[in-house]
Amino acid sequence: MSSSSQCCAVFPEELMIEILSRVSVKDLMRYRCISKWMNHLVLDLYFKIHHPLIILIVLGVCNGLVCLQDSHYVDDCEDFWVRFWNPSTRLMSEDSPCVRFPSDDSFIFGFGFGYDDWSDTYQVVFLDNKSEKMEVSVHSLGDSCWRNVLSCDALETLSLYGVYVCGTINWLALPKSESGFDYGWRDVTMNEIKILSYDVKNEKCNYLSMPDFHCEVPHDEPVIQVFKGCLCLSHRQGTQLFVCTMREFGVAKSWTPLLNINYEDLDIHVLHGMPTIPMILCISENDDVLLLGSYNSAEFFLYNKKDNRIDR
């Protein structure tokens, strides 16, 4: 009798699926070597659907400590939790308590990772917009819970992950309208967008001033990043790509133009109809040559400001 026949004789396939659904992915890959039947079962479409899909994301890095975020889908919900990893010592923390959301509510919450030098703690910040107010919770390295620290007016964050700079975590956000979080970009001007800034040490939220774009309507959603220790804002207006940098954090007058190029010259490949605003990755010592990267399309560009030349 073949090994597959012996397995079937001992356990019904439905029971085997139930058993294997509780096994780690690492062990599952080993079980594929037992028999052709087991290999087929592990790779079977039905089993894939019913076994939770694990997604690992780098939420942020501070002082060499990496914050990783796990998530998986269970029925119509998605569970999120974090862990901390030190690549130097190869030590990994235990999973934090998870937070659960309906899977269709992916744009009503946000995460960020930062460091409080006053208390010497690493913190993950979680923004929850499920109710009329936005609840801000914190999970610190070594804690066994999420701690609610404050409530403020509900905002829709434009990106899931905030950026850490100068002891704060920052997101681009829009205030909640009378119709809720239902925005069409044709109706939104740059002056309506806010920079939500969470102070890690003092555990409070502030709003930073945006550059003056004279009520322009952006072509795509703008993005923020940290470049050379400064907050940077990139946005597309018509055919132009603008990048500004806040030379002195929190000072509105310190916004300085860094880049103004023709977006169409980049010839970025649009995937799944999603627009892409490239990020600045590196700049030469004389500030003449910039390396740009497109996250969605995995493309890189060299831009020479002196010659106004773009190379792939």
Protein backbone atom coordinates (compact mmCIF):
# COMPACT_ATOMS: atom_id res chain seq x y z
CA MET A 1 0.00 0.00 0.00
CA SER A 2 1.34 3.44 -0.91
CA SER A 3 2.10 6.07 1.74
CA SER A 4 -0.75 8.24 0.46
CA SER A 5 -3.19 5.32 0.80
CA GLN A 6 -1.97 4.68 4.33
CA CYS A 7 -2.52 8.35 5.25
CA CYS A 8 -6.01 8.32 3.80
CA ALA A 9 -6.82 5.07 5.60
CA VAL A 10 -5.86 6.55 8.96
CA PHE A 11 -7.23 10.11 8.67
CA PRO A 12 -9.89 11.62 6.40
CA GLU A 13 -8.56 14.44 4.23
CA GLU A 14 -10.79 16.99 5.98
CA LEU A 15 -9.20 16.08 9.32
CA MET A 16 -5.69 16.28 7.85
CA ILE A 17 -6.46 19.78 6.56
CA GLU A 18 -7.68 20.79 10.01
CA ILE A 19 -4.52 19.40 11.64
CA LEU A 20 -2.14 21.00 9.15
CA SER A 21 -3.88 24.37 9.45
CA ARG A 22 -2.44 24.57 12.97
CA VAL A 23 1.15 23.80 11.92
CA SER A 24 3.87 26.42 11.37
CA VAL A 25 4.89 27.30 7.82
CA LYS A 26 8.42 25.98 8.46
CA ASP A 27 7.10 22.54 9.44
CA LEU A 28 4.64 22.55 6.56
CA MET A 29 7.48 22.87 4.07
CA ARG A 30 9.14 19.84 5.67
CA TYR A 31 5.94 17.77 5.48
CA ARG A 32 5.86 18.22 1.69
CA CYS A 33 8.69 15.65 1.49
CA ILE A 34 6.65 12.88 3.15
CA SER A 35 4.69 11.92 0.05
CA LYS A 36 3.20 13.22 -3.18
CA TRP A 37 -0.21 13.27 -1.51
CA MET A 38 1.10 15.40 1.36
CA ASN A 39 2.89 17.73 -1.06
CA HIS A 40 -0.34 18.16 -3.03
CA LEU A 41 -2.32 18.79 0.16
CA VAL A 42 0.04 21.49 1.42
CA LEU A 43 -0.02 23.30 -1.91
CA ASP A 44 -3.72 22.77 -2.54
CA LEU A 45 -5.65 25.96 -3.27
CA TYR A 46 -8.29 25.17 -0.64
CA PHE A 47 -5.63 24.75 2.00
CA LYS A 48 -3.92 27.99 0.97
CA ILE A 49 -7.16 29.90 1.39
CA HIS A 50 -7.87 28.42 4.82
CA HIS A 51 -4.33 28.73 6.16
CA PRO A 52 -3.64 32.30 7.39
CA LEU A 53 -1.36 34.31 5.12
CA ILE A 54 1.52 35.83 7.09
CA ILE A 55 2.84 39.19 5.86
CA LEU A 56 6.04 40.63 7.37
CA ILE A 57 6.74 44.35 6.95
CA VAL A 58 9.56 46.58 8.21
CA LEU A 59 7.62 49.25 10.08
CA GLY A 60 10.70 51.32 10.88
CA VAL A 61 14.31 51.40 12.08
CA CYS A 62 15.72 53.43 14.98
CA ASN A 63 19.34 53.25 16.20
CA GLY A 64 19.79 49.90 14.51
CA LEU A 65 16.68 48.35 16.11
CA VAL A 66 14.18 47.09 13.54
CA CYS A 67 10.44 47.08 14.18
CA LEU A 68 8.67 44.35 12.23
CA GLN A 69 4.94 44.14 11.67
CA ASP A 70 3.07 40.90 11.09
CA SER A 71 -0.47 40.61 9.83
CA HIS A 72 -2.76 37.85 8.71
CA TYR A 73 -6.32 37.53 7.56
CA VAL A 74 -8.87 35.62 9.60
CA ASP A 75 -12.32 35.45 8.03
CA ASP A 76 -13.23 39.07 7.19
CA CYS A 77 -10.71 40.63 9.58
CA GLU A 78 -7.01 41.38 9.60
CA ASP A 79 -4.86 40.99 12.72
CA PHE A 80 -1.80 43.18 13.24
CA TRP A 81 0.99 42.82 15.77
CA VAL A 82 4.62 43.91 16.04
CA ARG A 83 7.93 42.58 17.27
CA PHE A 84 11.40 44.09 17.70
CA TRP A 85 14.54 42.67 16.11
CA ASN A 86 18.19 43.49 16.75
CA PRO A 87 20.16 42.38 13.66
CA SER A 88 23.48 42.70 15.52
CA THR A 89 22.57 40.27 18.30
CA ARG A 90 19.96 38.41 16.20
CA LEU A 91 17.57 38.65 19.15
CA MET A 92 13.84 38.94 18.47
CA SER A 93 11.16 40.02 20.93
CA GLU A 94 7.89 38.20 21.46
CA ASP A 95 4.82 39.26 19.50
CA SER A 96 2.94 42.22 20.90
CA PRO A 97 -0.78 41.85 21.63
CA CYS A 98 -2.62 42.03 18.30
CA VAL A 99 -5.07 44.64 17.08
CA ARG A 100 -7.90 43.48 14.84
CA PHE A 101 -9.71 45.36 12.08
CA PRO A 102 -12.29 44.50 9.45
CA SER A 103 -10.25 43.92 6.30
CA ASP A 104 -12.11 46.65 4.37
CA ASP A 105 -11.09 49.35 6.88
CA SER A 106 -7.40 49.47 5.94
CA PHE A 107 -7.31 53.25 5.57
CA ILE A 108 -8.74 54.28 8.93
CA PHE A 109 -5.68 53.52 11.02
CA GLY A 110 -1.94 54.12 11.00
CA PHE A 111 1.30 52.94 12.58
CA GLY A 112 4.63 54.54 13.41
CA PHE A 113 7.89 53.58 15.13
CA GLY A 114 10.07 55.94 17.15
CA TYR A 115 12.47 56.38 20.05
CA ASP A 116 12.09 58.41 23.25
CA ASP A 117 15.61 59.43 24.29
CA TRP A 118 14.35 60.82 27.62
CA SER A 119 13.02 57.46 28.87
CA ASP A 120 15.27 55.38 26.56
CA THR A 121 12.30 53.45 25.17
CA TYR A 122 11.35 52.32 21.68
CA GLN A 123 7.68 52.81 20.89
CA VAL A 124 5.17 51.76 18.27
CA VAL A 125 2.31 54.23 17.86
CA PHE A 126 -1.09 53.07 16.66
CA LEU A 127 -3.77 55.47 15.33
CA ASP A 128 -7.33 54.15 15.49
CA ASN A 129 -10.03 56.08 13.61
CA LYS A 130 -12.91 53.66 14.07
CA SER A 131 -14.92 56.06 16.24
CA GLU A 132 -15.73 59.78 16.12
CA LYS A 133 -12.38 60.53 17.78
CA MET A 134 -8.96 59.23 16.84
CA GLU A 135 -7.51 57.09 19.61
CA VAL A 136 -3.71 57.04 19.94
CA SER A 137 -2.17 53.97 21.58
CA VAL A 138 1.45 53.07 22.30
CA HIS A 139 3.28 49.76 22.66
CA SER A 140 6.80 49.99 24.10
CA LEU A 141 9.58 47.44 23.90
CA GLY A 142 9.22 45.26 27.01
CA ASP A 143 5.51 45.99 27.53
CA SER A 144 2.78 43.36 27.33
CA CYS A 145 -0.06 45.65 26.24
CA TRP A 146 -1.10 48.62 24.13
CA ARG A 147 -1.50 51.76 26.25
CA ASN A 148 -4.03 54.43 25.25
CA VAL A 149 -2.39 57.85 25.61
CA LEU A 150 -4.81 60.37 24.09
CA SER A 151 -7.82 61.13 21.91
CA CYS A 152 -8.01 63.84 19.26
CA ASP A 153 -10.09 64.89 16.26
CA ALA A 154 -10.50 62.10 13.71
CA LEU A 155 -8.21 62.32 10.69
CA GLU A 156 -7.67 60.15 7.64
CA THR A 157 -3.98 59.35 7.30
CA LEU A 158 -2.85 59.26 3.67
CA SER A 159 -0.30 56.54 4.38
CA LEU A 160 -0.37 53.58 6.73
CA TYR A 161 3.09 54.25 8.15
CA GLY A 162 4.38 57.48 9.67
CA VAL A 163 7.97 58.73 9.38
CA TYR A 164 10.20 59.35 12.41
CA VAL A 165 12.27 62.54 12.69
CA CYS A 166 13.40 64.78 15.59
CA GLY A 167 11.60 62.74 18.26
CA THR A 168 8.29 62.78 16.40
CA ILE A 169 6.31 60.48 14.11
CA ASN A 170 4.58 62.22 11.21
CA TRP A 171 1.75 61.41 8.81
CA LEU A 172 0.00 63.35 6.06
CA ALA A 173 -3.68 63.50 6.94
CA LEU A 174 -7.06 64.96 6.02
CA PRO A 175 -9.71 66.04 8.54
CA LYS A 176 -12.87 63.97 8.70
CA SER A 177 -15.64 65.56 6.63
CA GLU A 178 -19.41 65.43 7.19
CA SER A 179 -19.58 62.43 4.86
CA GLY A 180 -16.80 60.65 6.72
CA PHE A 181 -13.57 59.52 5.08
CA ASP A 182 -14.87 59.75 1.53
CA TYR A 183 -12.60 62.03 -0.45
CA GLY A 184 -12.17 62.60 -4.16
CA TRP A 185 -8.83 64.14 -5.03
CA ARG A 186 -10.50 66.54 -7.46
CA ASP A 187 -12.06 68.22 -4.43
CA VAL A 188 -8.96 68.41 -2.19
CA THR A 189 -6.39 71.20 -2.23
CA MET A 190 -2.89 71.04 -0.77
CA ASN A 191 -3.85 73.60 1.86
CA GLU A 192 -6.46 71.21 3.27
CA ILE A 193 -3.87 68.51 3.93
CA LYS A 194 -2.29 68.51 7.39
CA ILE A 195 0.92 67.06 8.79
CA LEU A 196 -0.04 65.20 11.95
CA SER A 197 2.99 65.05 14.24
CA TYR A 198 3.08 62.83 17.34
CA ASP A 199 5.61 63.84 20.01
CA VAL A 200 7.02 60.56 21.34
CA LYS A 201 8.42 62.05 24.57
CA ASN A 202 5.44 64.22 25.58
CA GLU A 203 2.79 61.88 24.12
CA LYS A 204 0.79 64.57 22.36
CA CYS A 205 -0.19 65.45 18.80
CA ASN A 206 0.55 68.67 16.96
CA TYR A 207 0.03 69.95 13.43
CA LEU A 208 2.91 71.17 11.29
CA SER A 209 2.52 73.84 8.63
CA MET A 210 2.58 72.71 5.01
CA PRO A 211 4.54 74.59 2.34
CA ASP A 212 2.48 77.28 0.64
CA PHE A 213 1.08 75.74 -2.54
CA HIS A 214 -1.58 78.45 -3.08
CA CYS A 215 -4.57 76.08 -2.81
CA GLU A 216 -3.31 73.84 -5.62
CA VAL A 217 -5.19 70.62 -6.32
CA PRO A 218 -2.62 67.77 -6.35
CA HIS A 219 -2.55 65.36 -9.27
CA ASP A 220 -1.82 62.42 -6.93
CA GLU A 221 -1.63 61.89 -3.19
CA PRO A 222 1.49 63.65 -1.86
CA VAL A 223 4.01 61.76 0.27
CA ILE A 224 6.39 62.61 3.10
CA GLN A 225 9.72 61.04 3.90
CA VAL A 226 12.86 61.74 5.92
CA PHE A 227 15.93 62.74 3.93
CA LYS A 228 19.25 63.79 5.48
CA GLY A 229 17.55 64.19 8.86
CA CYS A 230 14.84 66.54 7.53
CA LEU A 231 11.17 66.13 6.75
CA CYS A 232 10.53 66.15 2.99
CA LEU A 233 7.26 66.57 1.10
CA SER A 234 6.82 65.43 -2.51
CA HIS A 235 3.81 66.15 -4.67
CA ARG A 236 2.85 66.20 -8.32
CA GLN A 237 1.16 69.23 -9.83
CA GLY A 238 0.22 68.76 -13.46
CA THR A 239 3.34 67.55 -15.24
CA GLN A 240 5.73 68.78 -12.55
CA LEU A 241 7.15 66.92 -9.54
CA PHE A 242 7.96 69.19 -6.58
CA VAL A 243 10.01 68.26 -3.51
CA CYS A 244 10.37 70.57 -0.50
CA THR A 245 12.38 70.00 2.66
CA MET A 246 11.83 71.44 6.16
CA ARG A 247 15.36 72.57 7.04
CA GLU A 248 14.44 73.32 10.67
CA PHE A 249 11.86 70.95 12.10
CA GLY A 250 8.62 72.63 13.15
CA VAL A 251 9.53 76.00 11.59
CA ALA A 252 7.14 76.81 8.74
CA LYS A 253 9.46 79.37 7.15
CA SER A 254 12.21 76.76 6.80
CA TRP A 255 10.42 74.90 3.97
CA THR A 256 12.89 75.02 1.06
CA PRO A 257 12.44 73.82 -2.55
CA LEU A 258 14.74 70.88 -3.26
CA LEU A 259 13.55 69.57 -6.61
CA ASN A 260 11.34 70.64 -9.52
CA ILE A 261 11.39 68.35 -12.55
CA ASN A 262 9.07 67.16 -15.29
CA TYR A 263 7.32 64.06 -13.95
CA GLU A 264 6.62 62.72 -17.43
CA ASP A 265 10.36 62.68 -18.21
CA LEU A 266 10.75 59.98 -15.55
CA ASP A 267 8.45 57.71 -17.58
CA ILE A 268 7.46 55.72 -14.50
CA HIS A 269 5.58 52.51 -15.16
CA VAL A 270 2.16 52.72 -13.54
CA LEU A 271 1.11 49.44 -11.94
CA HIS A 272 -2.56 48.51 -11.46
CA GLY A 273 -3.55 52.09 -12.27
CA MET A 274 -1.82 53.35 -9.11
CA PRO A 275 0.15 56.62 -9.43
CA THR A 276 3.70 56.69 -8.12
CA ILE A 277 5.60 59.60 -6.62
CA PRO A 278 9.32 58.72 -6.43
CA MET A 279 11.32 59.10 -3.23
CA ILE A 280 14.73 60.75 -2.88
CA LEU A 281 17.20 58.06 -1.83
CA CYS A 282 20.58 59.78 -2.06
CA ILE A 283 22.22 63.03 -3.14
CA SER A 284 25.78 63.87 -4.17
CA GLU A 285 28.06 65.98 -1.96
CA ASN A 286 27.60 69.03 -4.18
CA ASP A 287 23.80 68.48 -4.26
CA ASP A 288 23.84 68.28 -8.07
CA VAL A 289 22.94 64.61 -8.58
CA LEU A 290 20.02 62.84 -6.91
CA LEU A 291 19.08 59.18 -6.84
CA LEU A 292 15.30 58.71 -7.01
CA GLY A 293 13.42 55.49 -6.42
CA SER A 294 9.88 54.44 -7.28
CA TYR A 295 8.55 52.05 -4.65
CA ASN A 296 5.53 50.76 -6.58
CA SER A 297 7.30 50.11 -9.87
CA ALA A 298 10.74 49.20 -8.41
CA GLU A 299 12.53 51.69 -10.68
CA PHE A 300 15.54 53.93 -10.01
CA PHE A 301 16.59 57.22 -11.64
CA LEU A 302 19.61 59.50 -11.54
CA TYR A 303 18.73 63.18 -11.93
CA ASN A 304 21.43 65.75 -12.68
CA LYS A 305 20.13 69.17 -11.65
CA LYS A 306 22.92 71.03 -13.43
CA ASP A 307 22.22 69.44 -16.81
CA ASN A 308 18.53 68.75 -16.12
CA ARG A 309 19.21 65.18 -17.27
CA ILE A 310 17.55 61.95 -16.15
CA ASP A 311 19.32 58.59 -16.47
CA ARG A 312 17.97 55.15 -15.67
